[in-house]
Amino acid sequence: MSAEWQGYESLGGNRGFYSDPGNIYTACERNRGGGRIMMLFHHLFPELIDKETRCIDILNNEVIPDDRYILVECYCPKLDCDCRRVLLKVIAKEHTEQGELLTISFGFDREKEMAGPYIDPMNPRCSYADALFRIIAPMLETDTDYADRLESHYHMVKRAVKRPTPREKQILVRYGLGSDGQPKSSKSRRTKKTRKQRKKRRK
């Protein structure tokens, strides 16, 4: 079996699956748990696609098909949330039609109980997800440079939401997010509920 990490590798012809928040390969935007929205890092920072995306080439594995597997980074945009973690969606470069093969949750505060890495149970997983995880997890736990880079990306997303450029504002709108990183729909529901409560108190 061969498993070779590619530090920061060009995605070549697969750059397209980063381009549209409605694309299946950015399913990381909306988790299945409680309507949580996660932002794809490279939607906000497309200029970093080529040089800061981690990949692994796997060959001759008894369980995992030969391919280059791409770790797609997703972060929580809510400004009132300091979860300090990343969700990594694993995509097969030559078979992107399969969508995400598994999602790995990885926290930056390593002493915390739920720091992980672990396979996020709220997201789809393929039949060989456990085998992929056994290869990827040790890298996350030992490659401090990569972990530091992920944490840096987390802070970049939070800063972009707090003080967005005109282009970043457009991305937030496409995600349906307000200026606080919250979904506009849930924010409007909270506002309506508050108004009703105020009316009742006045009566």
C-alpha atoms as a PDB file:
ATOM      1  CA  MET A   1       0.000   0.000   0.000  1.00  0.00           C
ATOM      2  CA  SER A   2       1.150   3.528  -0.774  1.00  0.00           C
ATOM      3  CA  ALA A   3      -0.180   6.685   0.885  1.00  0.00           C
ATOM      4  CA  GLU A   4       1.721   9.840   0.077  1.00  0.00           C
ATOM      5  CA  TRP A   5       0.787  13.248   1.428  1.00  0.00           C
ATOM      6  CA  GLN A   6       0.936  16.207  -0.954  1.00  0.00           C
ATOM      7  CA  GLY A   7       1.578  19.313   1.120  1.00  0.00           C
ATOM      8  CA  TYR A   8      -0.058  22.034  -0.926  1.00  0.00           C
ATOM      9  CA  GLU A   9      -1.030  20.691  -4.289  1.00  0.00           C
ATOM     10  CA  SER A  10      -2.696  22.304  -7.293  1.00  0.00           C
ATOM     11  CA  LEU A  11      -6.229  21.022  -7.812  1.00  0.00           C
ATOM     12  CA  GLY A  12      -5.942  21.470 -11.565  1.00  0.00           C
ATOM     13  CA  GLY A  13      -9.169  20.707 -13.390  1.00  0.00           C
ATOM     14  CA  ASN A  14     -11.052  20.105 -10.151  1.00  0.00           C
ATOM     15  CA  ARG A  15     -10.932  23.752  -9.152  1.00  0.00           C
ATOM     16  CA  GLY A  16     -14.552  23.949 -10.365  1.00  0.00           C
ATOM     17  CA  PHE A  17     -16.055  22.236  -7.337  1.00  0.00           C
ATOM     18  CA  TYR A  18     -15.033  25.217  -5.252  1.00  0.00           C
ATOM     19  CA  SER A  19     -16.795  27.770  -7.417  1.00  0.00           C
ATOM     20  CA  ASP A  20     -20.483  27.682  -6.431  1.00  0.00           C
ATOM     21  CA  PRO A  21     -22.034  27.545  -2.935  1.00  0.00           C
ATOM     22  CA  GLY A  22     -24.863  25.523  -4.449  1.00  0.00           C
ATOM     23  CA  ASN A  23     -22.508  22.812  -5.698  1.00  0.00           C
ATOM     24  CA  ILE A  24     -22.761  19.335  -4.154  1.00  0.00           C
ATOM     25  CA  TYR A  25     -19.070  19.361  -3.306  1.00  0.00           C
ATOM     26  CA  THR A  26     -19.640  22.267  -0.940  1.00  0.00           C
ATOM     27  CA  ALA A  27     -22.199  20.332   1.083  1.00  0.00           C
ATOM     28  CA  CYS A  28     -20.000  21.396   3.984  1.00  0.00           C
ATOM     29  CA  GLU A  29     -21.803  24.750   3.924  1.00  0.00           C
ATOM     30  CA  ARG A  30     -24.853  23.265   5.633  1.00  0.00           C
ATOM     31  CA  ASN A  31     -24.458  20.486   8.149  1.00  0.00           C
ATOM     32  CA  ARG A  32     -27.363  18.147   8.812  1.00  0.00           C
ATOM     33  CA  GLY A  33     -27.375  18.938  12.502  1.00  0.00           C
ATOM     34  CA  GLY A  34     -29.755  21.720  13.503  1.00  0.00           C
ATOM     35  CA  GLY A  35     -29.414  23.679  10.274  1.00  0.00           C
ATOM     36  CA  ARG A  36     -25.817  24.571  11.122  1.00  0.00           C
ATOM     37  CA  ILE A  37     -24.106  26.478   8.338  1.00  0.00           C
ATOM     38  CA  MET A  38     -20.428  25.903   7.638  1.00  0.00           C
ATOM     39  CA  MET A  39     -18.493  28.058   5.203  1.00  0.00           C
ATOM     40  CA  LEU A  40     -16.127  26.632   2.651  1.00  0.00           C
ATOM     41  CA  PHE A  41     -12.787  28.343   3.284  1.00  0.00           C
ATOM     42  CA  HIS A  42     -11.930  28.670  -0.374  1.00  0.00           C
ATOM     43  CA  HIS A  43     -15.134  30.502  -1.211  1.00  0.00           C
ATOM     44  CA  LEU A  44     -13.822  33.380   0.877  1.00  0.00           C
ATOM     45  CA  PHE A  45     -10.181  32.916  -0.131  1.00  0.00           C
ATOM     46  CA  PRO A  46     -10.063  31.403  -3.652  1.00  0.00           C
ATOM     47  CA  GLU A  47      -6.526  32.705  -4.161  1.00  0.00           C
ATOM     48  CA  LEU A  48      -5.299  30.087  -1.660  1.00  0.00           C
ATOM     49  CA  ILE A  49      -6.808  27.050  -3.399  1.00  0.00           C
ATOM     50  CA  ASP A  50      -3.629  26.015  -5.173  1.00  0.00           C
ATOM     51  CA  LYS A  51      -1.109  26.438  -2.394  1.00  0.00           C
ATOM     52  CA  GLU A  52      -2.969  25.669   0.846  1.00  0.00           C
ATOM     53  CA  THR A  53      -5.084  22.608   0.110  1.00  0.00           C
ATOM     54  CA  ARG A  54      -3.943  19.317   1.626  1.00  0.00           C
ATOM     55  CA  CYS A  55      -4.207  16.136  -0.467  1.00  0.00           C
ATOM     56  CA  ILE A  56      -3.175  12.513  -0.138  1.00  0.00           C
ATOM     57  CA  ASP A  57      -2.381  10.061  -2.937  1.00  0.00           C
ATOM     58  CA  ILE A  58      -3.466   6.514  -2.068  1.00  0.00           C
ATOM     59  CA  LEU A  59      -2.406   3.550  -4.217  1.00  0.00           C
ATOM     60  CA  ASN A  60      -2.713  -0.232  -3.932  1.00  0.00           C
ATOM     61  CA  ASN A  61      -4.859  -0.183  -0.816  1.00  0.00           C
ATOM     62  CA  GLU A  62      -6.994  -3.284  -0.265  1.00  0.00           C
ATOM     63  CA  VAL A  63     -10.011  -1.199   0.757  1.00  0.00           C
ATOM     64  CA  ILE A  64      -9.561   2.352  -0.582  1.00  0.00           C
ATOM     65  CA  PRO A  65      -9.718   2.975  -4.359  1.00  0.00           C
ATOM     66  CA  ASP A  66      -6.635   4.520  -5.987  1.00  0.00           C
ATOM     67  CA  ASP A  67      -7.096   8.284  -6.133  1.00  0.00           C
ATOM     68  CA  ARG A  68      -5.974  11.645  -4.834  1.00  0.00           C
ATOM     69  CA  TYR A  69      -8.091  12.554  -1.819  1.00  0.00           C
ATOM     70  CA  ILE A  70      -8.651  16.250  -1.131  1.00  0.00           C
ATOM     71  CA  LEU A  71      -9.317  17.680   2.346  1.00  0.00           C
ATOM     72  CA  VAL A  72     -11.866  20.463   1.899  1.00  0.00           C
ATOM     73  CA  GLU A  73     -11.960  22.882   4.847  1.00  0.00           C
ATOM     74  CA  CYS A  74     -15.217  24.191   6.367  1.00  0.00           C
ATOM     75  CA  TYR A  75     -15.578  26.637   9.242  1.00  0.00           C
ATOM     76  CA  CYS A  76     -18.373  28.064  11.381  1.00  0.00           C
ATOM     77  CA  PRO A  77     -18.993  31.723  10.405  1.00  0.00           C
ATOM     78  CA  LYS A  78     -21.023  32.743  13.476  1.00  0.00           C
ATOM     79  CA  LEU A  79     -19.298  35.531  15.369  1.00  0.00           C
ATOM     80  CA  ASP A  80     -20.847  34.519  18.695  1.00  0.00           C
ATOM     81  CA  CYS A  81     -19.446  31.001  18.345  1.00  0.00           C
ATOM     82  CA  ASP A  82     -15.867  30.195  19.270  1.00  0.00           C
ATOM     83  CA  CYS A  83     -15.949  26.461  18.573  1.00  0.00           C
ATOM     84  CA  ARG A  84     -12.313  26.568  17.394  1.00  0.00           C
ATOM     85  CA  ARG A  85     -12.577  23.604  15.042  1.00  0.00           C
ATOM     86  CA  VAL A  86     -12.598  22.688  11.385  1.00  0.00           C
ATOM     87  CA  LEU A  87     -14.677  20.181   9.451  1.00  0.00           C
ATOM     88  CA  LEU A  88     -12.653  18.440   6.751  1.00  0.00           C
ATOM     89  CA  LYS A  89     -14.696  17.003   3.889  1.00  0.00           C
ATOM     90  CA  VAL A  90     -12.778  14.272   2.072  1.00  0.00           C
ATOM     91  CA  ILE A  91     -13.346  14.259  -1.711  1.00  0.00           C
ATOM     92  CA  ALA A  92     -11.876  11.879  -4.315  1.00  0.00           C
ATOM     93  CA  LYS A  93     -10.375  14.072  -7.031  1.00  0.00           C
ATOM     94  CA  GLU A  94     -11.044  11.680  -9.920  1.00  0.00           C
ATOM     95  CA  HIS A  95     -14.526  10.767  -8.685  1.00  0.00           C
ATOM     96  CA  THR A  96     -15.983  14.030  -7.425  1.00  0.00           C
ATOM     97  CA  GLU A  97     -19.462  12.858  -8.460  1.00  0.00           C
ATOM     98  CA  GLN A  98     -19.419  10.718  -5.310  1.00  0.00           C
ATOM     99  CA  GLY A  99     -19.459  13.858  -3.195  1.00  0.00           C
ATOM    100  CA  GLU A 100     -18.048  13.812   0.315  1.00  0.00           C
ATOM    101  CA  LEU A 101     -16.722  10.422   1.429  1.00  0.00           C
ATOM    102  CA  LEU A 102     -16.519  11.351   5.085  1.00  0.00           C
ATOM    103  CA  THR A 103     -16.288  14.421   7.285  1.00  0.00           C
ATOM    104  CA  ILE A 104     -13.654  14.711   9.997  1.00  0.00           C
ATOM    105  CA  SER A 105     -14.084  17.070  12.943  1.00  0.00           C
ATOM    106  CA  PHE A 106     -10.837  18.435  14.381  1.00  0.00           C
ATOM    107  CA  GLY A 107     -10.561  20.883  17.276  1.00  0.00           C
ATOM    108  CA  PHE A 108      -7.606  23.177  17.880  1.00  0.00           C
ATOM    109  CA  ASP A 109      -7.748  22.964  21.695  1.00  0.00           C
ATOM    110  CA  ARG A 110      -6.179  19.544  21.946  1.00  0.00           C
ATOM    111  CA  GLU A 111      -6.770  19.114  25.685  1.00  0.00           C
ATOM    112  CA  LYS A 112     -10.561  19.231  25.297  1.00  0.00           C
ATOM    113  CA  GLU A 113     -12.523  15.991  25.430  1.00  0.00           C
ATOM    114  CA  MET A 114     -14.198  16.438  22.037  1.00  0.00           C
ATOM    115  CA  ALA A 115     -11.139  17.803  20.235  1.00  0.00           C
ATOM    116  CA  GLY A 116     -11.000  14.771  17.974  1.00  0.00           C
ATOM    117  CA  PRO A 117     -10.174  14.019  15.309  1.00  0.00           C
ATOM    118  CA  TYR A 118     -13.308  11.936  14.825  1.00  0.00           C
ATOM    119  CA  ILE A 119     -15.711  11.135  11.987  1.00  0.00           C
ATOM    120  CA  ASP A 120     -18.611  13.583  12.211  1.00  0.00           C
ATOM    121  CA  PRO A 121     -21.761  11.427  12.556  1.00  0.00           C
ATOM    122  CA  MET A 122     -24.056  14.137  11.144  1.00  0.00           C
ATOM    123  CA  ASN A 123     -22.625  13.840   7.643  1.00  0.00           C
ATOM    124  CA  PRO A 124     -22.559  11.177   4.896  1.00  0.00           C
ATOM    125  CA  ARG A 125     -19.847   8.537   4.911  1.00  0.00           C
ATOM    126  CA  CYS A 126     -18.758   5.993   2.327  1.00  0.00           C
ATOM    127  CA  SER A 127     -18.197   2.265   2.878  1.00  0.00           C
ATOM    128  CA  TYR A 128     -14.440   2.773   3.338  1.00  0.00           C
ATOM    129  CA  ALA A 129     -14.663   5.902   5.521  1.00  0.00           C
ATOM    130  CA  ASP A 130     -13.028   4.170   8.493  1.00  0.00           C
ATOM    131  CA  ALA A 131     -10.037   3.142   6.374  1.00  0.00           C
ATOM    132  CA  LEU A 132      -9.592   6.712   5.119  1.00  0.00           C
ATOM    133  CA  PHE A 133      -9.893   8.026   8.662  1.00  0.00           C
ATOM    134  CA  ARG A 134      -7.153   5.698   9.919  1.00  0.00           C
ATOM    135  CA  ILE A 135      -4.782   7.278   7.393  1.00  0.00           C
ATOM    136  CA  ILE A 136      -5.824  10.914   7.853  1.00  0.00           C
ATOM    137  CA  ALA A 137      -6.230  11.104  11.648  1.00  0.00           C
ATOM    138  CA  PRO A 138      -2.546  10.454  12.548  1.00  0.00           C
ATOM    139  CA  MET A 139      -1.497  13.253  10.186  1.00  0.00           C
ATOM    140  CA  LEU A 140      -3.826  15.688  11.946  1.00  0.00           C
ATOM    141  CA  GLU A 141      -2.468  14.678  15.351  1.00  0.00           C
ATOM    142  CA  THR A 142       1.214  14.897  14.439  1.00  0.00           C
ATOM    143  CA  ASP A 143       1.586  17.544  11.710  1.00  0.00           C
ATOM    144  CA  THR A 144       1.647  20.704  13.828  1.00  0.00           C
ATOM    145  CA  ASP A 145       2.375  22.953  10.852  1.00  0.00           C
ATOM    146  CA  TYR A 146      -0.818  21.804   9.152  1.00  0.00           C
ATOM    147  CA  ALA A 147      -2.838  22.127  12.373  1.00  0.00           C
ATOM    148  CA  ASP A 148      -1.512  25.676  12.811  1.00  0.00           C
ATOM    149  CA  ARG A 149      -2.488  26.485   9.234  1.00  0.00           C
ATOM    150  CA  LEU A 150      -6.027  25.216   9.812  1.00  0.00           C
ATOM    151  CA  GLU A 151      -6.328  27.330  12.953  1.00  0.00           C
ATOM    152  CA  SER A 152      -5.074  30.347  11.016  1.00  0.00           C
ATOM    153  CA  HIS A 153      -7.750  29.717   8.383  1.00  0.00           C
ATOM    154  CA  TYR A 154     -10.382  29.563  11.146  1.00  0.00           C
ATOM    155  CA  HIS A 155      -9.429  33.069  12.312  1.00  0.00           C
ATOM    156  CA  MET A 156      -9.329  34.340   8.724  1.00  0.00           C
ATOM    157  CA  VAL A 157     -12.952  33.266   8.240  1.00  0.00           C
ATOM    158  CA  LYS A 158     -14.056  34.956  11.466  1.00  0.00           C
ATOM    159  CA  ARG A 159     -12.286  38.198  10.491  1.00  0.00           C
ATOM    160  CA  ALA A 160     -13.787  38.089   6.995  1.00  0.00           C
ATOM    161  CA  VAL A 161     -17.292  37.772   8.448  1.00  0.00           C
ATOM    162  CA  LYS A 162     -16.667  40.589  10.932  1.00  0.00           C
ATOM    163  CA  ARG A 163     -15.090  42.998   8.422  1.00  0.00           C
ATOM    164  CA  PRO A 164     -15.897  41.680   4.937  1.00  0.00           C
ATOM    165  CA  THR A 165     -14.627  43.169   1.709  1.00  0.00           C
ATOM    166  CA  PRO A 166     -17.270  43.880  -0.972  1.00  0.00           C
ATOM    167  CA  ARG A 167     -16.527  40.508  -2.592  1.00  0.00           C
ATOM    168  CA  GLU A 168     -16.736  38.690   0.758  1.00  0.00           C
ATOM    169  CA  LYS A 169     -20.074  40.404   1.449  1.00  0.00           C
ATOM    170  CA  GLN A 170     -21.407  38.866  -1.752  1.00  0.00           C
ATOM    171  CA  ILE A 171     -20.282  35.432  -0.583  1.00  0.00           C
ATOM    172  CA  LEU A 172     -22.024  35.914   2.779  1.00  0.00           C
ATOM    173  CA  VAL A 173     -25.229  36.898   0.979  1.00  0.00           C
ATOM    174  CA  ARG A 174     -25.044  33.773  -1.181  1.00  0.00           C
ATOM    175  CA  TYR A 175     -24.777  31.709   1.982  1.00  0.00           C
ATOM    176  CA  GLY A 176     -27.821  33.507   3.365  1.00  0.00           C
ATOM    177  CA  LEU A 177     -25.848  34.971   6.266  1.00  0.00           C
ATOM    178  CA  GLY A 178     -26.265  38.282   8.055  1.00  0.00           C
ATOM    179  CA  SER A 179     -23.487  40.559   9.287  1.00  0.00           C
ATOM    180  CA  ASP A 180     -23.109  38.465  12.453  1.00  0.00           C
ATOM    181  CA  GLY A 181     -22.600  35.229  10.539  1.00  0.00           C
ATOM    182  CA  GLN A 182     -26.060  33.976  11.518  1.00  0.00           C
ATOM    183  CA  PRO A 183     -28.544  32.658   8.933  1.00  0.00           C
ATOM    184  CA  LYS A 184     -30.863  35.510   8.036  1.00  0.00           C
ATOM    185  CA  SER A 185     -33.935  33.305   8.198  1.00  0.00           C
ATOM    186  CA  SER A 186     -33.298  32.221  11.801  1.00  0.00           C
ATOM    187  CA  LYS A 187     -32.415  35.784  12.728  1.00  0.00           C
ATOM    188  CA  SER A 188     -35.730  37.052  11.339  1.00  0.00           C
ATOM    189  CA  ARG A 189     -37.615  34.317  13.227  1.00  0.00           C
ATOM    190  CA  ARG A 190     -35.954  35.396  16.472  1.00  0.00           C
ATOM    191  CA  THR A 191     -36.870  39.028  15.744  1.00  0.00           C
ATOM    192  CA  LYS A 192     -40.535  38.131  15.130  1.00  0.00           C
ATOM    193  CA  LYS A 193     -40.618  36.085  18.346  1.00  0.00           C
ATOM    194  CA  THR A 194     -39.159  38.996  20.316  1.00  0.00           C
ATOM    195  CA  ARG A 195     -41.751  41.371  18.867  1.00  0.00           C
ATOM    196  CA  LYS A 196     -44.581  39.045  19.895  1.00  0.00           C
ATOM    197  CA  GLN A 197     -43.184  38.789  23.409  1.00  0.00           C
ATOM    198  CA  ARG A 198     -42.986  42.589  23.669  1.00  0.00           C
ATOM    199  CA  LYS A 199     -46.608  42.949  22.534  1.00  0.00           C
ATOM    200  CA  LYS A 200     -47.761  40.466  25.168  1.00  0.00           C
ATOM    201  CA  ARG A 201     -45.900  42.361  27.899  1.00  0.00           C
ATOM    202  CA  ARG A 202     -47.503  45.629  26.779  1.00  0.00           C
ATOM    203  CA  LYS A 203     -50.970  44.092  27.092  1.00  0.00           C
END
